[in-house]
Protein backbone atom coordinates (compact mmCIF):
# COMPACT_ATOMS: atom_id res chain seq x y z
CA MET A 1 12.59 134.03 43.87
CA MET A 2 13.34 137.48 45.28
CA VAL A 3 16.08 136.12 47.54
CA THR A 4 17.69 134.28 44.62
CA VAL A 5 17.78 137.42 42.47
CA PHE A 6 19.19 139.44 45.36
CA LEU A 7 21.91 136.86 46.06
CA LEU A 8 22.82 136.71 42.37
CA ALA A 9 23.18 140.50 42.27
CA VAL A 10 25.30 140.52 45.44
CA SER A 11 27.48 137.71 44.07
CA LEU A 12 28.10 139.60 40.84
CA MET A 13 28.88 142.73 42.82
CA LEU A 14 31.43 140.87 44.96
CA ILE A 15 33.12 139.48 41.85
CA GLY A 16 33.31 143.00 40.39
CA TYR A 17 34.63 144.36 43.69
CA THR A 18 37.34 141.70 43.80
CA LEU A 19 38.39 142.41 40.21
CA THR A 20 38.48 146.13 41.00
CA VAL A 21 40.71 145.62 44.05
CA VAL A 22 43.07 143.43 42.00
CA GLU A 23 43.28 146.07 39.26
CA ALA A 24 43.86 148.79 41.87
CA MET A 25 46.71 146.78 43.40
CA ARG A 26 48.27 146.50 39.94
CA HIS A 27 47.92 150.25 39.44
CA SER A 28 49.52 151.26 42.75
CA ALA A 29 49.71 150.13 46.35
CA ALA A 30 47.98 153.30 47.54
CA TRP A 31 44.97 152.72 45.28
CA GLY A 32 44.97 149.07 46.29
CA LEU A 33 44.65 149.97 49.94
CA ALA A 34 42.14 152.73 49.22
CA THR A 35 39.82 150.39 47.32
CA LEU A 36 39.46 148.23 50.39
CA VAL A 37 36.93 150.90 51.39
CA PRO A 38 33.98 150.09 49.07
CA PRO A 39 32.96 153.68 48.15
CA LEU A 40 36.52 154.36 46.99
CA ALA A 41 36.40 151.15 44.97
CA ILE A 42 33.41 152.54 43.08
CA VAL A 43 35.32 155.77 42.45
CA PHE A 44 38.33 153.82 41.18
CA ALA A 45 36.15 151.59 39.00
CA ILE A 46 34.49 154.58 37.34
CA TRP A 47 37.83 156.35 36.94
CA ARG A 48 39.44 153.29 35.28
CA THR A 49 36.47 152.09 33.21
CA ARG A 50 38.48 151.88 29.99
CA GLN A 51 41.08 149.60 31.55
CA GLN A 52 38.57 147.34 33.32
CA PRO A 53 35.12 147.50 31.70
CA VAL A 54 33.97 144.08 32.93
CA ALA A 55 34.91 144.74 36.54
CA THR A 56 33.18 148.12 36.45
CA ALA A 57 30.03 146.63 34.96
CA LEU A 58 30.00 143.82 37.52
CA LEU A 59 30.40 146.33 40.32
CA ILE A 60 27.99 149.06 39.22
CA LEU A 61 25.11 147.28 37.43
CA PRO A 62 24.12 144.95 40.31
CA LEU A 63 24.33 147.90 42.68
CA VAL A 64 21.97 149.91 40.48
CA PHE A 65 19.67 146.90 40.24
CA ILE A 66 19.57 146.46 44.02
CA LEU A 67 18.99 150.14 44.70
CA PHE A 68 16.26 150.75 42.13
CA ALA A 69 14.58 147.42 41.30
CA MET A 70 14.48 145.49 44.55
CA PRO A 71 11.88 147.71 46.31
CA PHE A 72 9.38 146.76 43.60
CA PHE A 73 9.70 143.06 44.46
CA SER A 74 8.14 143.67 47.88
CA LEU A 75 5.01 145.21 46.34
CA SER A 76 3.70 141.95 44.89
């Protein structure tokens, strides 16, 4: 069960990352290349939340889930 939840979160995060890179390429080539580095993709996603709310949510929410909720799965 834990592995399934983790893989679902990672899959959603990859979809959000892909959508963010596509939006960055549409914005400018420099941002498109910069978002190939994942921390800069998070910065771009937060900066452009109004233009791409779904991509930002798919990038940030699974990351928050993995960072804060997954350690509790190992306790049971």
